[in-house]
Every structure is written in structure tokens, then in C-alpha cells.
Amino acid sequence: MTKTALIALLIILTAHFCSAQDAPPDVCIANAIAKTPALPKYLAYRHFLAYVDALDKQAITAGATDSYQFAKPFASHAGLAATELDLLWDQAKRMMTDLKKQDEIAHAAILAFRTKALAAARSDKPIPPLPPEIRNLQRSLTALLVHHYVELQTRLGPVTSARLDHYLDYEFVPHISMKPVAEITPHHADPDAIPRFADQQ
């Protein structure tokens, strides 16, 4: 592998895993195929829960006294009551905490590989193979997102879940833009920024 190819690989790896964690504030999803016919449910929920978390942070920063201020852009559209919003808020916080841990693991694994790869390249030695932990990062992330999706649906119950699914399908998912990994900026300038979608509610 040439140094140019190595640098390209490292950029793609970093962009892929960083954008997988930071994408929701932009409501963008890293995807290797630009024209994916449908967004998987667990990814729709991943983006929505991150959106909920971002709205809550904005409300806190603005000094809102209403604990449900974060839900105003979508609560009535999705037909969610206070008890259901509590579950949604809790799931969003727990998912974001888990994603932060996952992001730390990804960064550590990529940094370790990059250090070894660059050292090998500088010494004109063969580039080491991609370690299993990096290959398994996406699989682990997917399992984590599916877990939170299933857990929230279970907590909400079939009726409320169906109502939320309908809202996401028709009012939220259409605003998620699909972009190839190479076009994703690794880190958003403001991780707490609210997606443009909020202005359309």
C-alpha cells in the first residue's frame, strides 16, 4: 500500500466513524451508497433521538422553565403525551451517552492503527493489516443503535410506536439527506446545533 493510499484510507476511516457519531446535528447520515432506497428504522430513530437531545440542550441553554420545551417542534405532530415524552427524553440521553463511549473506542482504535501505519510507511515497511477491532466497530455501532430502537419501541408500546413511526416516515425522515462518506465533514463545528428540520415544524 502506498503512502497516498494509506492517507486516503485513514481519512475515510476517520470520517466514517466520526460522522457516524456527529451526524445528527446536521441530520445527515454517512452512507457508502448515495442512492439508498430506504433508511433503516434503527437509523431513523438514531437521528431522531439525537435531534431530541440537541433540542433539549438548546432549551436548557435558553433557560427554558418548561421541561417539555424541547418537544414543541414535534410533540403535537407525533401525538406524544407527557409520559411518552419522558420516555423519549430518557432514551435519547442514554443513547447519546452510549454513542459517546462508542466514539471514544473508535477514536482510540483508529489512532492506534494510524500510528502504527504511519510508522511503517516512514520505515518503508509493509502497512499492517486493518485490525479486527476497527472492522468490528461498525457492527458494534449497528447493534447499539438497534438495541436503543427496540428498547424505545418496547417502552412506548405498539400503539404509540406506530404513531411515532408514522411521524418519522412522513415528517422526519424525508428531511434526512443521504451523502457518501467522502462528502461528510468529520466534525461538526457546533455539536449542539439544532438541525434545520426544527425550523420546518
N, C-alpha and C. Protein backbone atom coordinates (compact mmCIF):
# COMPACT_ATOMS: atom_id res chain seq x y z
N MET A 1 0.86 -1.20 0.00
CA MET A 1 0.00 0.00 0.00
C MET A 1 0.89 1.25 0.00
N THR A 2 0.63 2.18 -0.90
CA THR A 2 1.43 3.41 -0.99
C THR A 2 1.04 4.37 0.12
N LYS A 3 1.89 5.39 0.34
CA LYS A 3 1.59 6.38 1.37
C LYS A 3 0.31 7.15 1.02
N THR A 4 0.12 7.42 -0.27
CA THR A 4 -1.08 8.14 -0.70
C THR A 4 -2.33 7.31 -0.38
N ALA A 5 -2.24 6.01 -0.67
CA ALA A 5 -3.38 5.13 -0.39
C ALA A 5 -3.63 5.03 1.11
N LEU A 6 -2.55 5.02 1.89
CA LEU A 6 -2.68 4.95 3.34
C LEU A 6 -3.39 6.18 3.88
N ILE A 7 -2.95 7.34 3.40
CA ILE A 7 -3.57 8.60 3.86
C ILE A 7 -5.06 8.61 3.50
N ALA A 8 -5.38 8.16 2.29
CA ALA A 8 -6.79 8.12 1.86
C ALA A 8 -7.59 7.19 2.76
N LEU A 9 -7.00 6.02 3.09
CA LEU A 9 -7.69 5.07 3.96
C LEU A 9 -7.96 5.66 5.34
N LEU A 10 -6.95 6.34 5.90
CA LEU A 10 -7.11 6.93 7.22
C LEU A 10 -8.16 8.03 7.22
N ILE A 11 -8.18 8.82 6.17
CA ILE A 11 -9.19 9.89 6.07
C ILE A 11 -10.58 9.30 6.02
N ILE A 12 -10.75 8.25 5.21
CA ILE A 12 -12.06 7.61 5.08
C ILE A 12 -12.50 6.99 6.41
N LEU A 13 -11.56 6.30 7.07
CA LEU A 13 -11.88 5.68 8.35
C LEU A 13 -12.30 6.72 9.37
N THR A 14 -11.50 7.78 9.48
CA THR A 14 -11.80 8.82 10.47
C THR A 14 -13.13 9.50 10.16
N ALA A 15 -13.34 9.83 8.89
CA ALA A 15 -14.59 10.50 8.51
C ALA A 15 -15.78 9.60 8.77
N HIS A 16 -15.62 8.30 8.48
CA HIS A 16 -16.73 7.37 8.63
C HIS A 16 -17.17 7.25 10.08
N PHE A 17 -16.20 6.98 10.98
CA PHE A 17 -16.58 6.75 12.36
C PHE A 17 -16.92 8.03 13.08
N CYS A 18 -16.26 9.13 12.75
CA CYS A 18 -16.60 10.40 13.41
C CYS A 18 -17.97 10.89 12.94
N SER A 19 -18.25 10.76 11.65
CA SER A 19 -19.54 11.23 11.15
C SER A 19 -20.65 10.34 11.66
N ALA A 20 -20.35 9.08 11.93
CA ALA A 20 -21.37 8.18 12.46
C ALA A 20 -21.83 8.66 13.83
N GLN A 21 -20.94 9.34 14.57
CA GLN A 21 -21.30 9.84 15.88
C GLN A 21 -21.86 11.25 15.82
N ASP A 22 -21.31 12.11 14.94
CA ASP A 22 -21.67 13.53 14.94
C ASP A 22 -22.70 13.91 13.90
N ALA A 23 -23.22 12.96 13.15
CA ALA A 23 -24.10 13.29 12.04
C ALA A 23 -25.42 13.94 12.42
N PRO A 24 -26.12 13.51 13.48
CA PRO A 24 -27.46 14.02 13.73
C PRO A 24 -27.62 15.53 13.82
N PRO A 25 -26.68 16.31 14.40
CA PRO A 25 -26.89 17.75 14.42
C PRO A 25 -27.08 18.32 13.02
N ASP A 26 -26.57 17.69 12.02
CA ASP A 26 -26.77 18.12 10.64
C ASP A 26 -27.90 17.36 9.98
N VAL A 27 -28.47 16.39 10.68
CA VAL A 27 -29.43 15.46 10.14
C VAL A 27 -28.92 14.89 8.82
N CYS A 28 -27.69 14.41 8.83
CA CYS A 28 -27.08 13.77 7.67
C CYS A 28 -26.58 12.40 8.10
N ILE A 29 -26.63 11.45 7.20
CA ILE A 29 -26.17 10.12 7.54
C ILE A 29 -25.05 9.70 6.62
N ALA A 30 -23.97 9.19 7.21
CA ALA A 30 -22.87 8.70 6.40
C ALA A 30 -23.30 7.40 5.75
N ASN A 31 -23.17 7.32 4.45
CA ASN A 31 -23.59 6.12 3.73
C ASN A 31 -22.70 5.94 2.52
N ALA A 32 -22.17 4.74 2.35
CA ALA A 32 -21.26 4.49 1.24
C ALA A 32 -21.98 4.54 -0.10
N ILE A 33 -23.28 4.34 -0.09
CA ILE A 33 -24.05 4.38 -1.33
C ILE A 33 -24.96 5.60 -1.30
N ALA A 34 -24.78 6.48 -2.26
CA ALA A 34 -25.52 7.74 -2.23
C ALA A 34 -27.02 7.57 -2.44
N LYS A 35 -27.41 6.56 -3.18
CA LYS A 35 -28.83 6.40 -3.51
C LYS A 35 -29.39 5.15 -2.84
N THR A 36 -29.51 5.20 -1.52
CA THR A 36 -30.11 4.10 -0.79
C THR A 36 -31.63 4.28 -0.84
N PRO A 37 -32.39 3.24 -1.21
CA PRO A 37 -33.83 3.39 -1.40
C PRO A 37 -34.59 3.70 -0.13
N ALA A 38 -34.16 3.18 1.01
CA ALA A 38 -34.90 3.42 2.25
C ALA A 38 -33.95 3.47 3.43
N LEU A 39 -34.29 4.33 4.39
CA LEU A 39 -33.47 4.45 5.59
C LEU A 39 -33.95 3.42 6.60
N PRO A 40 -33.07 2.56 7.10
CA PRO A 40 -33.48 1.57 8.09
C PRO A 40 -34.10 2.24 9.31
N LYS A 41 -35.06 1.57 9.93
CA LYS A 41 -35.77 2.13 11.07
C LYS A 41 -34.82 2.53 12.20
N TYR A 42 -33.85 1.67 12.49
CA TYR A 42 -32.97 1.96 13.61
C TYR A 42 -32.14 3.21 13.38
N LEU A 43 -31.83 3.52 12.10
CA LEU A 43 -31.10 4.74 11.80
C LEU A 43 -32.01 5.96 11.88
N ALA A 44 -33.27 5.80 11.48
CA ALA A 44 -34.22 6.90 11.60
C ALA A 44 -34.38 7.28 13.07
N TYR A 45 -34.47 6.27 13.93
CA TYR A 45 -34.60 6.52 15.37
C TYR A 45 -33.31 7.10 15.94
N ARG A 46 -32.18 6.66 15.43
CA ARG A 46 -30.90 7.19 15.89
C ARG A 46 -30.83 8.70 15.66
N HIS A 47 -31.23 9.11 14.47
CA HIS A 47 -31.20 10.53 14.13
C HIS A 47 -32.25 11.31 14.92
N PHE A 48 -33.41 10.71 15.09
CA PHE A 48 -34.46 11.40 15.81
C PHE A 48 -34.10 11.58 17.29
N LEU A 49 -33.56 10.55 17.91
CA LEU A 49 -33.18 10.66 19.31
C LEU A 49 -32.05 11.68 19.51
N ALA A 50 -31.13 11.74 18.56
CA ALA A 50 -30.07 12.74 18.64
C ALA A 50 -30.66 14.14 18.45
N TYR A 51 -31.67 14.25 17.61
CA TYR A 51 -32.38 15.51 17.39
C TYR A 51 -33.06 15.95 18.68
N VAL A 52 -33.70 15.00 19.37
CA VAL A 52 -34.35 15.28 20.64
C VAL A 52 -33.33 15.78 21.66
N ASP A 53 -32.18 15.13 21.72
CA ASP A 53 -31.13 15.52 22.65
C ASP A 53 -30.62 16.93 22.34
N ALA A 54 -30.45 17.24 21.06
CA ALA A 54 -29.98 18.57 20.66
C ALA A 54 -31.00 19.65 21.01
N LEU A 55 -32.28 19.34 20.81
CA LEU A 55 -33.34 20.30 21.16
C LEU A 55 -33.37 20.55 22.67
N ASP A 56 -33.15 19.50 23.45
CA ASP A 56 -33.16 19.64 24.90
C ASP A 56 -31.99 20.51 25.36
N LYS A 57 -30.83 20.31 24.77
CA LYS A 57 -29.66 21.13 25.13
C LYS A 57 -29.90 22.60 24.77
N GLN A 58 -30.56 22.82 23.65
CA GLN A 58 -30.85 24.20 23.26
C GLN A 58 -31.82 24.85 24.24
N ALA A 59 -32.83 24.08 24.66
CA ALA A 59 -33.82 24.61 25.60
C ALA A 59 -33.16 24.96 26.94
N ILE A 60 -32.26 24.10 27.40
CA ILE A 60 -31.56 24.35 28.67
C ILE A 60 -30.69 25.61 28.55
N THR A 61 -29.98 25.73 27.43
CA THR A 61 -29.12 26.89 27.21
C THR A 61 -29.94 28.18 27.19
N ALA A 62 -31.15 28.09 26.64
CA ALA A 62 -32.03 29.27 26.55
C ALA A 62 -32.71 29.58 27.88
N GLY A 63 -32.51 28.70 28.87
CA GLY A 63 -33.11 28.94 30.18
C GLY A 63 -34.59 28.62 30.25
N ALA A 64 -35.06 27.70 29.43
CA ALA A 64 -36.48 27.33 29.41
C ALA A 64 -36.90 26.74 30.76
N THR A 65 -38.06 27.15 31.26
CA THR A 65 -38.57 26.63 32.52
C THR A 65 -39.52 25.46 32.29
N ASP A 66 -40.03 25.33 31.08
CA ASP A 66 -40.90 24.22 30.72
C ASP A 66 -40.03 23.00 30.39
N SER A 67 -40.17 21.93 31.16
CA SER A 67 -39.34 20.74 30.94
C SER A 67 -39.63 20.06 29.61
N TYR A 68 -40.74 20.43 28.98
CA TYR A 68 -41.09 19.83 27.69
C TYR A 68 -40.89 20.80 26.53
N GLN A 69 -40.14 21.86 26.78
CA GLN A 69 -39.85 22.84 25.73
C GLN A 69 -39.18 22.17 24.53
N PHE A 70 -38.33 21.21 24.78
CA PHE A 70 -37.59 20.53 23.71
C PHE A 70 -38.52 19.85 22.73
N ALA A 71 -39.71 19.46 23.18
CA ALA A 71 -40.61 18.66 22.35
C ALA A 71 -41.57 19.50 21.51
N LYS A 72 -41.57 20.80 21.68
CA LYS A 72 -42.54 21.64 20.98
C LYS A 72 -42.48 21.52 19.45
N PRO A 73 -41.27 21.34 18.86
CA PRO A 73 -41.24 21.22 17.39
C PRO A 73 -41.89 19.96 16.84
N PHE A 74 -42.10 18.94 17.69
CA PHE A 74 -42.60 17.68 17.13
C PHE A 74 -43.70 16.99 17.93
N ALA A 75 -43.91 17.35 19.19
CA ALA A 75 -44.84 16.62 20.06
C ALA A 75 -46.25 16.52 19.49
N SER A 76 -46.79 17.65 19.06
CA SER A 76 -48.16 17.63 18.54
C SER A 76 -48.25 16.88 17.21
N HIS A 77 -47.21 17.00 16.40
CA HIS A 77 -47.18 16.30 15.11
C HIS A 77 -47.14 14.78 15.31
N ALA A 78 -46.39 14.35 16.32
CA ALA A 78 -46.24 12.92 16.57
C ALA A 78 -47.30 12.38 17.51
N GLY A 79 -48.10 13.27 18.09
CA GLY A 79 -49.15 12.83 19.00
C GLY A 79 -48.63 12.22 20.28
N LEU A 80 -47.59 12.82 20.87
CA LEU A 80 -46.97 12.26 22.07
C LEU A 80 -47.40 13.02 23.33
N ALA A 81 -47.78 12.29 24.34
CA ALA A 81 -48.18 12.88 25.63
C ALA A 81 -46.95 13.03 26.52
N ALA A 82 -47.15 13.67 27.67
CA ALA A 82 -46.04 13.97 28.57
C ALA A 82 -45.29 12.71 29.01
N THR A 83 -46.01 11.67 29.40
CA THR A 83 -45.35 10.44 29.85
C THR A 83 -44.52 9.81 28.73
N GLU A 84 -45.01 9.94 27.51
CA GLU A 84 -44.28 9.38 26.36
C GLU A 84 -43.06 10.23 26.03
N LEU A 85 -43.18 11.54 26.24
CA LEU A 85 -42.04 12.42 26.03
C LEU A 85 -40.95 12.16 27.06
N ASP A 86 -41.36 11.80 28.27
CA ASP A 86 -40.38 11.45 29.30
C ASP A 86 -39.55 10.24 28.86
N LEU A 87 -40.22 9.23 28.31
CA LEU A 87 -39.53 8.03 27.83
C LEU A 87 -38.60 8.37 26.67
N LEU A 88 -39.08 9.22 25.79
CA LEU A 88 -38.29 9.63 24.63
C LEU A 88 -37.04 10.38 25.07
N TRP A 89 -37.22 11.31 26.00
CA TRP A 89 -36.10 12.10 26.51
C TRP A 89 -35.06 11.19 27.16
N ASP A 90 -35.53 10.27 27.99
CA ASP A 90 -34.63 9.35 28.69
C ASP A 90 -33.85 8.48 27.71
N GLN A 91 -34.55 7.96 26.70
CA GLN A 91 -33.88 7.10 25.71
C GLN A 91 -32.84 7.89 24.92
N ALA A 92 -33.17 9.13 24.61
CA ALA A 92 -32.23 9.98 23.87
C ALA A 92 -30.96 10.20 24.67
N LYS A 93 -31.10 10.49 25.94
CA LYS A 93 -29.93 10.74 26.79
C LYS A 93 -29.08 9.48 26.92
N ARG A 94 -29.73 8.35 27.09
CA ARG A 94 -28.98 7.10 27.26
C ARG A 94 -28.28 6.70 25.96
N MET A 95 -28.95 6.92 24.82
CA MET A 95 -28.31 6.60 23.56
C MET A 95 -27.10 7.48 23.31
N MET A 96 -27.22 8.77 23.58
CA MET A 96 -26.11 9.67 23.34
C MET A 96 -24.92 9.35 24.25
N THR A 97 -25.20 8.92 25.47
CA THR A 97 -24.12 8.50 26.38
C THR A 97 -23.40 7.28 25.82
N ASP A 98 -24.18 6.32 25.33
CA ASP A 98 -23.59 5.11 24.74
C ASP A 98 -22.80 5.44 23.48
N LEU A 99 -23.30 6.36 22.68
CA LEU A 99 -22.60 6.73 21.45
C LEU A 99 -21.30 7.45 21.75
N LYS A 100 -21.28 8.22 22.83
CA LYS A 100 -20.05 8.91 23.23
C LYS A 100 -18.97 7.88 23.59
N LYS A 101 -19.38 6.85 24.32
CA LYS A 101 -18.44 5.79 24.68
C LYS A 101 -17.95 5.07 23.43
N GLN A 102 -18.88 4.80 22.51
CA GLN A 102 -18.52 4.13 21.27
C GLN A 102 -17.55 4.98 20.45
N ASP A 103 -17.80 6.28 20.46
CA ASP A 103 -16.94 7.20 19.72
C ASP A 103 -15.53 7.20 20.30
N GLU A 104 -15.42 7.15 21.61
CA GLU A 104 -14.10 7.12 22.26
C GLU A 104 -13.34 5.85 21.88
N ILE A 105 -14.06 4.74 21.83
CA ILE A 105 -13.44 3.47 21.43
C ILE A 105 -12.95 3.54 19.99
N ALA A 106 -13.80 4.12 19.12
CA ALA A 106 -13.45 4.23 17.70
C ALA A 106 -12.22 5.11 17.51
N HIS A 107 -12.20 6.25 18.19
CA HIS A 107 -11.08 7.16 18.05
C HIS A 107 -9.78 6.52 18.52
N ALA A 108 -9.86 5.79 19.63
CA ALA A 108 -8.66 5.14 20.17
C ALA A 108 -8.14 4.07 19.21
N ALA A 109 -9.06 3.29 18.64
CA ALA A 109 -8.66 2.22 17.73
C ALA A 109 -8.05 2.80 16.45
N ILE A 110 -8.67 3.84 15.92
CA ILE A 110 -8.18 4.46 14.68
C ILE A 110 -6.84 5.15 14.92
N LEU A 111 -6.70 5.81 16.06
CA LEU A 111 -5.44 6.48 16.38
C LEU A 111 -4.30 5.47 16.51
N ALA A 112 -4.58 4.34 17.16
CA ALA A 112 -3.55 3.31 17.33
C ALA A 112 -3.13 2.74 15.98
N PHE A 113 -4.10 2.49 15.11
CA PHE A 113 -3.79 1.95 13.78
C PHE A 113 -3.02 2.98 12.95
N ARG A 114 -3.46 4.23 13.03
CA ARG A 114 -2.80 5.29 12.26
C ARG A 114 -1.34 5.44 12.68
N THR A 115 -1.09 5.38 13.98
CA THR A 115 0.28 5.50 14.49
C THR A 115 1.16 4.38 13.94
N LYS A 116 0.65 3.14 14.00
CA LYS A 116 1.43 2.00 13.50
C LYS A 116 1.62 2.08 11.99
N ALA A 117 0.57 2.46 11.28
CA ALA A 117 0.63 2.52 9.82
C ALA A 117 1.61 3.59 9.34
N LEU A 118 1.56 4.76 9.97
CA LEU A 118 2.47 5.83 9.57
C LEU A 118 3.91 5.48 9.91
N ALA A 119 4.12 4.82 11.05
CA ALA A 119 5.47 4.40 11.42
C ALA A 119 6.02 3.40 10.41
N ALA A 120 5.17 2.50 9.98
CA ALA A 120 5.59 1.50 8.99
C ALA A 120 5.90 2.18 7.65
N ALA A 121 5.07 3.14 7.26
CA ALA A 121 5.27 3.83 5.99
C ALA A 121 6.57 4.62 5.99
N ARG A 122 6.86 5.26 7.12
CA ARG A 122 8.09 6.05 7.21
C ARG A 122 9.34 5.16 7.19
N SER A 123 9.18 3.92 7.63
CA SER A 123 10.32 2.98 7.65
C SER A 123 10.36 2.10 6.41
N ASP A 124 9.49 2.43 5.44
CA ASP A 124 9.38 1.64 4.21
C ASP A 124 9.08 0.17 4.50
N LYS A 125 8.29 -0.07 5.53
CA LYS A 125 7.86 -1.42 5.86
C LYS A 125 6.42 -1.62 5.40
N PRO A 126 5.98 -2.86 5.28
CA PRO A 126 4.59 -3.11 4.86
C PRO A 126 3.60 -2.51 5.86
N ILE A 127 2.53 -1.96 5.32
CA ILE A 127 1.49 -1.40 6.18
C ILE A 127 0.78 -2.55 6.89
N PRO A 128 0.60 -2.47 8.20
CA PRO A 128 -0.08 -3.55 8.92
C PRO A 128 -1.53 -3.69 8.48
N PRO A 129 -2.07 -4.89 8.55
CA PRO A 129 -3.47 -5.09 8.16
C PRO A 129 -4.41 -4.36 9.11
N LEU A 130 -5.59 -4.06 8.62
CA LEU A 130 -6.59 -3.39 9.45
C LEU A 130 -6.95 -4.31 10.61
N PRO A 131 -6.81 -3.84 11.84
CA PRO A 131 -7.09 -4.71 12.99
C PRO A 131 -8.57 -5.07 13.11
N PRO A 132 -8.85 -6.23 13.70
CA PRO A 132 -10.25 -6.70 13.83
C PRO A 132 -11.14 -5.70 14.55
N GLU A 133 -10.58 -4.98 15.56
CA GLU A 133 -11.43 -4.06 16.31
C GLU A 133 -11.99 -2.95 15.45
N ILE A 134 -11.21 -2.52 14.46
CA ILE A 134 -11.72 -1.49 13.55
C ILE A 134 -12.77 -2.07 12.62
N ARG A 135 -12.53 -3.30 12.15
CA ARG A 135 -13.51 -3.95 11.28
C ARG A 135 -14.83 -4.18 12.01
N ASN A 136 -14.75 -4.37 13.31
CA ASN A 136 -15.96 -4.67 14.09
C ASN A 136 -16.66 -3.43 14.63
N LEU A 137 -16.06 -2.26 14.46
CA LEU A 137 -16.65 -1.04 15.01
C LEU A 137 -18.04 -0.76 14.45
N GLN A 138 -18.18 -0.87 13.13
CA GLN A 138 -19.47 -0.57 12.53
C GLN A 138 -20.52 -1.58 12.96
N ARG A 139 -20.11 -2.84 13.06
CA ARG A 139 -21.04 -3.88 13.51
C ARG A 139 -21.50 -3.60 14.94
N SER A 140 -20.57 -3.19 15.77
CA SER A 140 -20.89 -2.88 17.16
C SER A 140 -21.81 -1.67 17.25
N LEU A 141 -21.54 -0.67 16.42
CA LEU A 141 -22.38 0.53 16.41
C LEU A 141 -23.80 0.19 15.97
N THR A 142 -23.92 -0.63 14.93
CA THR A 142 -25.24 -1.03 14.46
C THR A 142 -26.02 -1.76 15.55
N ALA A 143 -25.34 -2.67 16.25
CA ALA A 143 -26.00 -3.42 17.33
C ALA A 143 -26.48 -2.47 18.43
N LEU A 144 -25.68 -1.45 18.72
CA LEU A 144 -26.04 -0.48 19.74
C LEU A 144 -27.29 0.30 19.33
N LEU A 145 -27.33 0.73 18.09
CA LEU A 145 -28.46 1.52 17.60
C LEU A 145 -29.74 0.68 17.54
N VAL A 146 -29.62 -0.56 17.12
CA VAL A 146 -30.77 -1.45 17.07
C VAL A 146 -31.31 -1.68 18.49
N HIS A 147 -30.41 -1.81 19.44
CA HIS A 147 -30.81 -2.00 20.84
C HIS A 147 -31.66 -0.83 21.31
N HIS A 148 -31.22 0.40 21.06
CA HIS A 148 -31.97 1.56 21.52
C HIS A 148 -33.30 1.71 20.77
N TYR A 149 -33.30 1.36 19.52
CA TYR A 149 -34.54 1.41 18.73
C TYR A 149 -35.58 0.44 19.29
N VAL A 150 -35.16 -0.80 19.51
CA VAL A 150 -36.07 -1.83 20.02
C VAL A 150 -36.51 -1.50 21.44
N GLU A 151 -35.59 -1.03 22.26
CA GLU A 151 -35.91 -0.70 23.64
C GLU A 151 -36.95 0.43 23.72
N LEU A 152 -36.78 1.46 22.90
CA LEU A 152 -37.74 2.56 22.93
C LEU A 152 -39.11 2.10 22.46
N GLN A 153 -39.15 1.31 21.39
CA GLN A 153 -40.44 0.82 20.90
C GLN A 153 -41.13 -0.03 21.97
N THR A 154 -40.36 -0.83 22.68
CA THR A 154 -40.93 -1.66 23.75
C THR A 154 -41.48 -0.80 24.87
N ARG A 155 -40.75 0.22 25.24
CA ARG A 155 -41.18 1.10 26.33
C ARG A 155 -42.42 1.92 25.96
N LEU A 156 -42.49 2.32 24.71
CA LEU A 156 -43.62 3.13 24.27
C LEU A 156 -44.88 2.29 24.05
N GLY A 157 -44.70 1.03 23.68
CA GLY A 157 -45.84 0.18 23.38
C GLY A 157 -46.21 0.25 21.92
N PRO A 158 -46.97 -0.72 21.42
CA PRO A 158 -47.27 -0.81 19.99
C PRO A 158 -48.06 0.36 19.41
N VAL A 159 -49.01 0.88 20.15
CA VAL A 159 -49.85 1.96 19.62
C VAL A 159 -49.05 3.24 19.45
N THR A 160 -48.34 3.66 20.50
CA THR A 160 -47.55 4.88 20.43
C THR A 160 -46.39 4.72 19.44
N SER A 161 -45.79 3.53 19.40
CA SER A 161 -44.69 3.28 18.47
C SER A 161 -45.16 3.41 17.03
N ALA A 162 -46.35 2.91 16.75
CA ALA A 162 -46.89 3.01 15.40
C ALA A 162 -47.13 4.47 15.03
N ARG A 163 -47.61 5.25 16.00
CA ARG A 163 -47.86 6.67 15.77
C ARG A 163 -46.55 7.40 15.52
N LEU A 164 -45.52 7.07 16.30
CA LEU A 164 -44.22 7.71 16.12
C LEU A 164 -43.59 7.29 14.80
N ASP A 165 -43.73 6.03 14.44
CA ASP A 165 -43.23 5.54 13.15
C ASP A 165 -43.83 6.33 12.00
N HIS A 166 -45.12 6.56 12.08
CA HIS A 166 -45.82 7.31 11.03
C HIS A 166 -45.27 8.73 10.92
N TYR A 167 -45.06 9.36 12.07
CA TYR A 167 -44.50 10.72 12.09
C TYR A 167 -43.10 10.73 11.46
N LEU A 168 -42.26 9.79 11.87
CA LEU A 168 -40.90 9.75 11.35
C LEU A 168 -40.89 9.50 9.85
N ASP A 169 -41.72 8.58 9.40
CA ASP A 169 -41.75 8.24 7.97
C ASP A 169 -42.17 9.41 7.09
N TYR A 170 -43.15 10.18 7.57
CA TYR A 170 -43.72 11.22 6.72
C TYR A 170 -43.24 12.64 7.01
N GLU A 171 -42.75 12.88 8.23
CA GLU A 171 -42.36 14.25 8.56
C GLU A 171 -40.90 14.43 8.97
N PHE A 172 -40.23 13.35 9.32
CA PHE A 172 -38.84 13.49 9.77
C PHE A 172 -37.85 12.93 8.76
N VAL A 173 -38.00 11.67 8.41
CA VAL A 173 -37.06 11.00 7.50
C VAL A 173 -36.89 11.74 6.16
N PRO A 174 -37.96 12.28 5.57
CA PRO A 174 -37.78 12.99 4.29
C PRO A 174 -36.79 14.15 4.36
N HIS A 175 -36.50 14.64 5.56
CA HIS A 175 -35.57 15.76 5.71
C HIS A 175 -34.14 15.31 5.99
N ILE A 176 -33.93 14.00 6.05
CA ILE A 176 -32.57 13.48 6.25
C ILE A 176 -31.91 13.34 4.89
N SER A 177 -30.78 14.01 4.71
CA SER A 177 -30.09 13.93 3.43
C SER A 177 -29.10 12.78 3.44
N MET A 178 -29.01 12.08 2.32
CA MET A 178 -28.10 10.96 2.20
C MET A 178 -26.86 11.40 1.44
N LYS A 179 -25.68 11.20 2.04
CA LYS A 179 -24.43 11.60 1.40
C LYS A 179 -23.40 10.49 1.52
N PRO A 180 -22.52 10.36 0.53
CA PRO A 180 -21.44 9.38 0.64
C PRO A 180 -20.50 9.78 1.77
N VAL A 181 -19.79 8.79 2.32
CA VAL A 181 -18.85 9.05 3.41
C VAL A 181 -17.85 10.13 3.05
N ALA A 182 -17.33 10.09 1.82
CA ALA A 182 -16.28 11.01 1.41
C ALA A 182 -16.73 12.46 1.47
N GLU A 183 -18.05 12.69 1.44
CA GLU A 183 -18.54 14.06 1.44
C GLU A 183 -18.88 14.57 2.84
N ILE A 184 -18.77 13.70 3.84
CA ILE A 184 -19.11 14.09 5.20
C ILE A 184 -17.94 14.77 5.88
N THR A 185 -18.18 15.90 6.52
CA THR A 185 -17.13 16.56 7.30
C THR A 185 -16.98 15.80 8.60
N PRO A 186 -15.76 15.41 8.98
CA PRO A 186 -15.56 14.59 10.17
C PRO A 186 -16.18 15.15 11.44
N HIS A 187 -16.00 16.44 11.71
CA HIS A 187 -16.54 17.01 12.93
C HIS A 187 -17.38 18.24 12.62
N HIS A 188 -18.56 18.28 13.20
CA HIS A 188 -19.42 19.45 13.03
C HIS A 188 -18.87 20.60 13.85
N ALA A 189 -18.99 21.81 13.33
CA ALA A 189 -18.44 22.98 14.02
C ALA A 189 -19.10 23.19 15.39
N ASP A 190 -20.38 22.89 15.47
CA ASP A 190 -21.10 23.07 16.72
C ASP A 190 -21.93 21.82 16.99
N PRO A 191 -21.44 20.88 17.82
CA PRO A 191 -22.14 19.62 18.04
C PRO A 191 -23.50 19.77 18.70
N ASP A 192 -23.79 20.93 19.29
CA ASP A 192 -25.09 21.14 19.93
C ASP A 192 -26.07 21.92 19.05
N ALA A 193 -25.67 22.18 17.83
CA ALA A 193 -26.56 22.95 16.93
C ALA A 193 -27.81 22.14 16.61
N ILE A 194 -28.90 22.83 16.40
CA ILE A 194 -30.17 22.17 16.10
C ILE A 194 -30.30 21.98 14.59
N PRO A 195 -30.75 20.83 14.14
CA PRO A 195 -30.92 20.59 12.70
C PRO A 195 -31.89 21.59 12.08
N ARG A 196 -31.70 21.86 10.81
CA ARG A 196 -32.61 22.78 10.11
C ARG A 196 -34.03 22.29 10.16
N PHE A 197 -34.21 20.98 10.31
CA PHE A 197 -35.53 20.39 10.35
C PHE A 197 -36.43 21.07 11.38
N ALA A 198 -35.84 21.57 12.47
CA ALA A 198 -36.65 22.18 13.53
C ALA A 198 -37.38 23.40 13.03
N ASP A 199 -36.82 24.10 12.05
CA ASP A 199 -37.46 25.30 11.52
C ASP A 199 -38.67 24.99 10.67
N GLN A 200 -38.80 23.71 10.29
CA GLN A 200 -39.90 23.35 9.39
C GLN A 200 -41.10 22.79 10.13
N GLN A 201 -41.03 22.78 11.47
CA GLN A 201 -42.13 22.23 12.25
C GLN A 201 -43.14 23.32 12.60
